[in-house]
């Protein structure tokens, strides 16, 4: 199934569609017709790493591997005691300070080859804003020092799991276990909501993030690849 991504297209100012492949079958005629009808510039498809034949089929039809995605999972077994009192729910006023270090942290995007850097920065800013308002992720927590939010985490709740959307710490305050404390605080929040599974995704090229999640007792659930077909 191929679906036009209206929000992504409007935001990044290029027409984007997502290809969700069922039963390893690829309808080339459908794809070509959809490209022409919607004036597409990008078709993306996310494929499990062990689907080698499917990946080969896509690559033989002008798709190229763009980025890998590692999904981590953690079972939350116990409530953390003595949680850091410097963590609180984010307020919309926090955005002005978060913005000062946001672009320096999220330097990479899987759209980096086809969109302008300022749009990528704006994308993450809107993500945090929507999380604070409960419009995309459900909640955002901040870690503050001297009444300034120097780190944050956004969480989305499903019926039986929580998902980290974004987590970041200002470069001026890294190495102080702030990220770990934000995760522990979020785990207590999920347990309070009857949730004991915690997920997070990160880019396969982001080794620093992967090591961080492993140190915080997350386990790898799966590895997927983003394949792109860029239409010029």
C-alpha atoms as a PDB file:
ATOM      1  CA  UNK A   1       0.000   0.000   0.000  1.00  0.00           C
ATOM      2  CA  UNK A   2       1.286   3.443  -0.879  1.00  0.00           C
ATOM      3  CA  UNK A   3       0.094   6.490   1.063  1.00  0.00           C
ATOM      4  CA  UNK A   4       0.638  10.196   0.486  1.00  0.00           C
ATOM      5  CA  UNK A   5       2.078  11.875   3.608  1.00  0.00           C
ATOM      6  CA  UNK A   6       0.307  15.212   3.660  1.00  0.00           C
ATOM      7  CA  UNK A   7       1.755  16.642   6.890  1.00  0.00           C
ATOM      8  CA  UNK A   8       5.326  15.688   5.974  1.00  0.00           C
ATOM      9  CA  UNK A   9       4.869  16.984   2.438  1.00  0.00           C
ATOM     10  CA  UNK A  10       3.424  20.309   3.570  1.00  0.00           C
ATOM     11  CA  UNK A  11       6.097  20.794   6.218  1.00  0.00           C
ATOM     12  CA  UNK A  12       9.182  19.794   4.215  1.00  0.00           C
ATOM     13  CA  UNK A  13       7.796  21.365   1.014  1.00  0.00           C
ATOM     14  CA  UNK A  14       8.328  18.246  -1.102  1.00  0.00           C
ATOM     15  CA  UNK A  15       5.740  15.599  -1.960  1.00  0.00           C
ATOM     16  CA  UNK A  16       6.434  12.448   0.078  1.00  0.00           C
ATOM     17  CA  UNK A  17       4.718   9.053   0.149  1.00  0.00           C
ATOM     18  CA  UNK A  18       5.202   5.947   2.262  1.00  0.00           C
ATOM     19  CA  UNK A  19       5.293   2.456   0.757  1.00  0.00           C
ATOM     20  CA  UNK A  20       4.035  -0.227   3.138  1.00  0.00           C
ATOM     21  CA  UNK A  21       4.789  -3.558   1.508  1.00  0.00           C
ATOM     22  CA  UNK A  22       2.522  -6.536   2.146  1.00  0.00           C
ATOM     23  CA  UNK A  23       3.371 -10.163   1.333  1.00  0.00           C
ATOM     24  CA  UNK A  24       6.713  -9.098  -0.197  1.00  0.00           C
ATOM     25  CA  UNK A  25       4.918  -7.969  -3.363  1.00  0.00           C
ATOM     26  CA  UNK A  26       5.770  -4.722  -5.141  1.00  0.00           C
ATOM     27  CA  UNK A  27       3.314  -3.308  -7.678  1.00  0.00           C
ATOM     28  CA  UNK A  28       5.569  -1.276  -9.971  1.00  0.00           C
ATOM     29  CA  UNK A  29       2.709   0.020 -12.109  1.00  0.00           C
ATOM     30  CA  UNK A  30       0.887   1.266  -9.020  1.00  0.00           C
ATOM     31  CA  UNK A  31       4.031   3.023  -7.810  1.00  0.00           C
ATOM     32  CA  UNK A  32       4.706   4.744 -11.132  1.00  0.00           C
ATOM     33  CA  UNK A  33       1.099   5.899 -11.459  1.00  0.00           C
ATOM     34  CA  UNK A  34       1.137   7.221  -7.899  1.00  0.00           C
ATOM     35  CA  UNK A  35       4.362   9.144  -8.576  1.00  0.00           C
ATOM     36  CA  UNK A  36       2.840  10.883 -11.598  1.00  0.00           C
ATOM     37  CA  UNK A  37      -0.515  11.564  -9.975  1.00  0.00           C
ATOM     38  CA  UNK A  38       1.006  13.159  -6.864  1.00  0.00           C
ATOM     39  CA  UNK A  39       4.140  14.687  -8.391  1.00  0.00           C
ATOM     40  CA  UNK A  40       6.226  12.820  -5.833  1.00  0.00           C
ATOM     41  CA  UNK A  41       9.805  13.690  -4.978  1.00  0.00           C
ATOM     42  CA  UNK A  42      10.312  10.910  -2.437  1.00  0.00           C
ATOM     43  CA  UNK A  43       8.927   7.456  -1.678  1.00  0.00           C
ATOM     44  CA  UNK A  44      10.088   5.905   1.581  1.00  0.00           C
ATOM     45  CA  UNK A  45       9.765   2.357   2.863  1.00  0.00           C
ATOM     46  CA  UNK A  46      10.770   0.894   6.236  1.00  0.00           C
ATOM     47  CA  UNK A  47      11.863  -2.749   6.029  1.00  0.00           C
ATOM     48  CA  UNK A  48      13.033  -5.253   8.639  1.00  0.00           C
ATOM     49  CA  UNK A  49      16.730  -6.010   8.192  1.00  0.00           C
ATOM     50  CA  UNK A  50      16.165  -9.745   7.703  1.00  0.00           C
ATOM     51  CA  UNK A  51      13.894  -9.189   4.666  1.00  0.00           C
ATOM     52  CA  UNK A  52      16.864  -9.472   2.311  1.00  0.00           C
ATOM     53  CA  UNK A  53      14.870 -10.492  -0.774  1.00  0.00           C
ATOM     54  CA  UNK A  54      12.487  -7.589  -0.311  1.00  0.00           C
ATOM     55  CA  UNK A  55      15.351  -5.140   0.137  1.00  0.00           C
ATOM     56  CA  UNK A  56      16.954  -6.476  -3.033  1.00  0.00           C
ATOM     57  CA  UNK A  57      13.675  -6.011  -4.921  1.00  0.00           C
ATOM     58  CA  UNK A  58      13.426  -2.406  -3.831  1.00  0.00           C
ATOM     59  CA  UNK A  59      17.047  -1.691  -4.673  1.00  0.00           C
ATOM     60  CA  UNK A  60      16.544  -3.156  -8.128  1.00  0.00           C
ATOM     61  CA  UNK A  61      13.708  -0.650  -8.598  1.00  0.00           C
ATOM     62  CA  UNK A  62      15.634   2.545  -7.846  1.00  0.00           C
ATOM     63  CA  UNK A  63      15.319   2.510  -4.051  1.00  0.00           C
ATOM     64  CA  UNK A  64      18.494   3.095  -2.041  1.00  0.00           C
ATOM     65  CA  UNK A  65      19.269   2.425   1.591  1.00  0.00           C
ATOM     66  CA  UNK A  66      19.163   5.751   3.435  1.00  0.00           C
ATOM     67  CA  UNK A  67      19.359   4.972   7.136  1.00  0.00           C
ATOM     68  CA  UNK A  68      18.897   2.183   9.656  1.00  0.00           C
ATOM     69  CA  UNK A  69      16.623   2.332  12.697  1.00  0.00           C
ATOM     70  CA  UNK A  70      17.250   0.418  15.915  1.00  0.00           C
ATOM     71  CA  UNK A  71      14.275  -0.190  18.206  1.00  0.00           C
ATOM     72  CA  UNK A  72      15.039  -0.775  21.881  1.00  0.00           C
ATOM     73  CA  UNK A  73      12.730  -2.187  24.549  1.00  0.00           C
ATOM     74  CA  UNK A  74      12.903  -2.222  28.337  1.00  0.00           C
ATOM     75  CA  UNK A  75      10.673  -3.981  30.845  1.00  0.00           C
ATOM     76  CA  UNK A  76      10.091  -1.697  33.820  1.00  0.00           C
ATOM     77  CA  UNK A  77      10.274  -3.945  36.866  1.00  0.00           C
ATOM     78  CA  UNK A  78      10.413  -1.592  39.812  1.00  0.00           C
ATOM     79  CA  UNK A  79       9.575   1.880  40.959  1.00  0.00           C
ATOM     80  CA  UNK A  80      12.636   4.131  41.303  1.00  0.00           C
ATOM     81  CA  UNK A  81      13.071   5.724  44.728  1.00  0.00           C
ATOM     82  CA  UNK A  82      14.622   9.107  45.536  1.00  0.00           C
ATOM     83  CA  UNK A  83      13.939  10.511  42.093  1.00  0.00           C
ATOM     84  CA  UNK A  84      15.607  13.818  41.283  1.00  0.00           C
ATOM     85  CA  UNK A  85      13.417  16.748  42.471  1.00  0.00           C
ATOM     86  CA  UNK A  86      14.707  18.972  39.659  1.00  0.00           C
ATOM     87  CA  UNK A  87      12.458  17.234  37.113  1.00  0.00           C
ATOM     88  CA  UNK A  88       8.997  18.612  36.349  1.00  0.00           C
ATOM     89  CA  UNK A  89       6.382  18.726  33.604  1.00  0.00           C
ATOM     90  CA  UNK A  90       7.426  21.123  30.862  1.00  0.00           C
ATOM     91  CA  UNK A  91       5.632  24.402  30.300  1.00  0.00           C
ATOM     92  CA  UNK A  92       5.265  26.278  27.040  1.00  0.00           C
ATOM     93  CA  UNK A  93       7.543  29.008  28.413  1.00  0.00           C
ATOM     94  CA  UNK A  94      10.384  26.474  28.523  1.00  0.00           C
ATOM     95  CA  UNK A  95      10.536  26.414  24.720  1.00  0.00           C
ATOM     96  CA  UNK A  96      12.484  29.660  24.483  1.00  0.00           C
ATOM     97  CA  UNK A  97      15.393  28.113  26.388  1.00  0.00           C
ATOM     98  CA  UNK A  98      15.097  24.618  24.890  1.00  0.00           C
ATOM     99  CA  UNK A  99      15.370  26.217  21.452  1.00  0.00           C
ATOM    100  CA  UNK A 100      18.848  27.553  22.290  1.00  0.00           C
ATOM    101  CA  UNK A 101      20.358  24.052  22.405  1.00  0.00           C
ATOM    102  CA  UNK A 102      17.917  21.974  20.353  1.00  0.00           C
ATOM    103  CA  UNK A 103      19.497  22.494  16.925  1.00  0.00           C
ATOM    104  CA  UNK A 104      22.965  21.679  18.240  1.00  0.00           C
ATOM    105  CA  UNK A 105      21.802  18.264  19.442  1.00  0.00           C
ATOM    106  CA  UNK A 106      19.624  16.988  16.600  1.00  0.00           C
ATOM    107  CA  UNK A 107      22.099  17.516  13.783  1.00  0.00           C
ATOM    108  CA  UNK A 108      21.007  14.508  11.769  1.00  0.00           C
ATOM    109  CA  UNK A 109      17.751  13.640  10.053  1.00  0.00           C
ATOM    110  CA  UNK A 110      16.868  10.942   7.565  1.00  0.00           C
ATOM    111  CA  UNK A 111      15.581  13.774   5.378  1.00  0.00           C
ATOM    112  CA  UNK A 112      18.940  15.587   5.530  1.00  0.00           C
ATOM    113  CA  UNK A 113      19.832  14.981   1.868  1.00  0.00           C
ATOM    114  CA  UNK A 114      16.640  16.421   0.471  1.00  0.00           C
ATOM    115  CA  UNK A 115      15.508  19.227   2.814  1.00  0.00           C
ATOM    116  CA  UNK A 116      17.078  22.377   4.200  1.00  0.00           C
ATOM    117  CA  UNK A 117      18.737  22.233   7.628  1.00  0.00           C
ATOM    118  CA  UNK A 118      16.525  24.973   9.042  1.00  0.00           C
ATOM    119  CA  UNK A 119      13.437  22.866   8.312  1.00  0.00           C
ATOM    120  CA  UNK A 120      14.951  19.945  10.219  1.00  0.00           C
ATOM    121  CA  UNK A 121      15.580  22.233  13.214  1.00  0.00           C
ATOM    122  CA  UNK A 122      12.024  23.566  12.983  1.00  0.00           C
ATOM    123  CA  UNK A 123      10.680  19.990  12.822  1.00  0.00           C
ATOM    124  CA  UNK A 124      12.190  19.090  16.194  1.00  0.00           C
ATOM    125  CA  UNK A 125      11.104  22.386  17.725  1.00  0.00           C
ATOM    126  CA  UNK A 126       7.492  21.714  16.702  1.00  0.00           C
ATOM    127  CA  UNK A 127       7.794  18.146  18.028  1.00  0.00           C
ATOM    128  CA  UNK A 128       8.781  19.422  21.499  1.00  0.00           C
ATOM    129  CA  UNK A 129       6.090  22.098  21.417  1.00  0.00           C
ATOM    130  CA  UNK A 130       3.395  19.576  20.538  1.00  0.00           C
ATOM    131  CA  UNK A 131       4.603  17.248  23.301  1.00  0.00           C
ATOM    132  CA  UNK A 132       4.333  20.071  25.842  1.00  0.00           C
ATOM    133  CA  UNK A 133       0.796  20.740  24.626  1.00  0.00           C
ATOM    134  CA  UNK A 134      -0.023  17.008  24.621  1.00  0.00           C
ATOM    135  CA  UNK A 135      -0.843  17.111  20.900  1.00  0.00           C
ATOM    136  CA  UNK A 136       1.723  14.636  19.528  1.00  0.00           C
ATOM    137  CA  UNK A 137       3.587  12.920  22.319  1.00  0.00           C
ATOM    138  CA  UNK A 138       1.539  12.967  25.512  1.00  0.00           C
ATOM    139  CA  UNK A 139       3.899  14.715  27.892  1.00  0.00           C
ATOM    140  CA  UNK A 140       7.282  16.401  28.174  1.00  0.00           C
ATOM    141  CA  UNK A 141       9.442  16.449  31.296  1.00  0.00           C
ATOM    142  CA  UNK A 142      12.327  18.861  31.824  1.00  0.00           C
ATOM    143  CA  UNK A 143      15.342  18.798  34.106  1.00  0.00           C
ATOM    144  CA  UNK A 144      16.063  22.281  35.343  1.00  0.00           C
ATOM    145  CA  UNK A 145      19.104  23.913  36.895  1.00  0.00           C
ATOM    146  CA  UNK A 146      18.783  27.438  38.254  1.00  0.00           C
ATOM    147  CA  UNK A 147      15.231  27.490  36.871  1.00  0.00           C
ATOM    148  CA  UNK A 148      16.394  26.758  33.321  1.00  0.00           C
ATOM    149  CA  UNK A 149      15.446  23.528  31.476  1.00  0.00           C
ATOM    150  CA  UNK A 150      18.805  21.966  30.539  1.00  0.00           C
ATOM    151  CA  UNK A 151      17.372  18.614  29.437  1.00  0.00           C
ATOM    152  CA  UNK A 152      14.041  17.137  28.392  1.00  0.00           C
ATOM    153  CA  UNK A 153      12.262  13.935  27.418  1.00  0.00           C
ATOM    154  CA  UNK A 154       8.973  13.468  25.548  1.00  0.00           C
ATOM    155  CA  UNK A 155       6.787  10.394  26.084  1.00  0.00           C
ATOM    156  CA  UNK A 156       3.891   8.928  24.147  1.00  0.00           C
ATOM    157  CA  UNK A 157       1.618   6.381  25.843  1.00  0.00           C
ATOM    158  CA  UNK A 158      -0.104   3.466  24.128  1.00  0.00           C
ATOM    159  CA  UNK A 159      -2.363   0.951  25.851  1.00  0.00           C
ATOM    160  CA  UNK A 160       0.462  -1.213  27.151  1.00  0.00           C
ATOM    161  CA  UNK A 161       3.656   0.690  26.403  1.00  0.00           C
ATOM    162  CA  UNK A 162       5.426   4.014  26.528  1.00  0.00           C
ATOM    163  CA  UNK A 163       7.634   5.412  23.769  1.00  0.00           C
ATOM    164  CA  UNK A 164      10.416   7.967  24.038  1.00  0.00           C
ATOM    165  CA  UNK A 165       9.907  10.514  21.291  1.00  0.00           C
ATOM    166  CA  UNK A 166      12.842  12.825  21.948  1.00  0.00           C
ATOM    167  CA  UNK A 167      15.410  13.041  24.714  1.00  0.00           C
ATOM    168  CA  UNK A 168      18.157  15.641  24.872  1.00  0.00           C
ATOM    169  CA  UNK A 169      20.506  17.372  27.280  1.00  0.00           C
ATOM    170  CA  UNK A 170      22.212  20.691  26.612  1.00  0.00           C
ATOM    171  CA  UNK A 171      25.876  20.210  25.670  1.00  0.00           C
ATOM    172  CA  UNK A 172      26.830  22.454  28.618  1.00  0.00           C
ATOM    173  CA  UNK A 173      25.351  19.950  31.078  1.00  0.00           C
ATOM    174  CA  UNK A 174      26.189  16.565  29.585  1.00  0.00           C
ATOM    175  CA  UNK A 175      28.031  13.950  31.624  1.00  0.00           C
ATOM    176  CA  UNK A 176      25.955  14.658  34.747  1.00  0.00           C
ATOM    177  CA  UNK A 177      23.579  11.652  34.361  1.00  0.00           C
ATOM    178  CA  UNK A 178      20.688  13.985  33.514  1.00  0.00           C
ATOM    179  CA  UNK A 179      19.517  11.731  30.676  1.00  0.00           C
ATOM    180  CA  UNK A 180      19.491   8.711  32.999  1.00  0.00           C
ATOM    181  CA  UNK A 181      17.472  10.631  35.593  1.00  0.00           C
ATOM    182  CA  UNK A 182      14.942  11.718  32.966  1.00  0.00           C
ATOM    183  CA  UNK A 183      14.477   8.097  31.896  1.00  0.00           C
ATOM    184  CA  UNK A 184      14.029   6.904  35.487  1.00  0.00           C
ATOM    185  CA  UNK A 185      11.496   9.648  36.159  1.00  0.00           C
ATOM    186  CA  UNK A 186       9.609   8.648  33.012  1.00  0.00           C
ATOM    187  CA  UNK A 187       9.602   4.998  34.085  1.00  0.00           C
ATOM    188  CA  UNK A 188       7.873   5.946  37.331  1.00  0.00           C
ATOM    189  CA  UNK A 189       5.370   7.989  35.319  1.00  0.00           C
ATOM    190  CA  UNK A 190       4.600   4.961  33.130  1.00  0.00           C
ATOM    191  CA  UNK A 191       4.242   2.643  36.128  1.00  0.00           C
ATOM    192  CA  UNK A 192       1.813   5.146  37.663  1.00  0.00           C
ATOM    193  CA  UNK A 193      -0.211   4.735  34.454  1.00  0.00           C
ATOM    194  CA  UNK A 194      -0.133   0.931  34.576  1.00  0.00           C
ATOM    195  CA  UNK A 195       2.517   0.599  31.855  1.00  0.00           C
ATOM    196  CA  UNK A 196       5.580  -1.638  32.181  1.00  0.00           C
ATOM    197  CA  UNK A 197       7.068  -1.630  28.649  1.00  0.00           C
ATOM    198  CA  UNK A 198       9.271   1.173  27.391  1.00  0.00           C
ATOM    199  CA  UNK A 199      10.371   1.628  23.759  1.00  0.00           C
ATOM    200  CA  UNK A 200      12.716   3.974  21.971  1.00  0.00           C
ATOM    201  CA  UNK A 201      14.045   4.211  18.416  1.00  0.00           C
ATOM    202  CA  UNK A 202      17.307   5.708  17.254  1.00  0.00           C
ATOM    203  CA  UNK A 203      19.311   5.908  14.062  1.00  0.00           C
ATOM    204  CA  UNK A 204      21.671   3.038  13.398  1.00  0.00           C
ATOM    205  CA  UNK A 205      24.441   5.567  12.764  1.00  0.00           C
ATOM    206  CA  UNK A 206      23.972   7.097  16.216  1.00  0.00           C
ATOM    207  CA  UNK A 207      26.310   4.874  18.228  1.00  0.00           C
ATOM    208  CA  UNK A 208      26.392   7.318  21.152  1.00  0.00           C
ATOM    209  CA  UNK A 209      22.614   7.057  21.606  1.00  0.00           C
ATOM    210  CA  UNK A 210      22.659   3.264  21.280  1.00  0.00           C
ATOM    211  CA  UNK A 211      25.319   2.935  23.981  1.00  0.00           C
ATOM    212  CA  UNK A 212      23.294   5.273  26.196  1.00  0.00           C
ATOM    213  CA  UNK A 213      20.182   3.097  25.953  1.00  0.00           C
ATOM    214  CA  UNK A 214      22.159  -0.099  26.520  1.00  0.00           C
ATOM    215  CA  UNK A 215      23.717   1.433  29.674  1.00  0.00           C
ATOM    216  CA  UNK A 216      20.174   2.174  30.841  1.00  0.00           C
ATOM    217  CA  UNK A 217      19.183  -1.498  30.444  1.00  0.00           C
ATOM    218  CA  UNK A 218      17.325  -1.279  27.148  1.00  0.00           C
ATOM    219  CA  UNK A 219      17.610  -4.303  24.843  1.00  0.00           C
ATOM    220  CA  UNK A 220      17.562  -4.329  21.044  1.00  0.00           C
ATOM    221  CA  UNK A 221      14.163  -5.414  19.740  1.00  0.00           C
ATOM    222  CA  UNK A 222      14.727  -5.103  16.009  1.00  0.00           C
ATOM    223  CA  UNK A 223      16.668  -3.416  13.233  1.00  0.00           C
ATOM    224  CA  UNK A 224      15.004  -1.851  10.208  1.00  0.00           C
ATOM    225  CA  UNK A 225      16.164   0.012   7.129  1.00  0.00           C
ATOM    226  CA  UNK A 226      14.737   3.126   5.538  1.00  0.00           C
ATOM    227  CA  UNK A 227      14.924   2.801   1.769  1.00  0.00           C
ATOM    228  CA  UNK A 228      14.297   5.876  -0.367  1.00  0.00           C
ATOM    229  CA  UNK A 229      13.449   6.424  -3.960  1.00  0.00           C
ATOM    230  CA  UNK A 230      14.202  10.043  -4.788  1.00  0.00           C
ATOM    231  CA  UNK A 231      12.500  11.261  -7.953  1.00  0.00           C
ATOM    232  CA  UNK A 232      14.351  14.048  -9.754  1.00  0.00           C
END
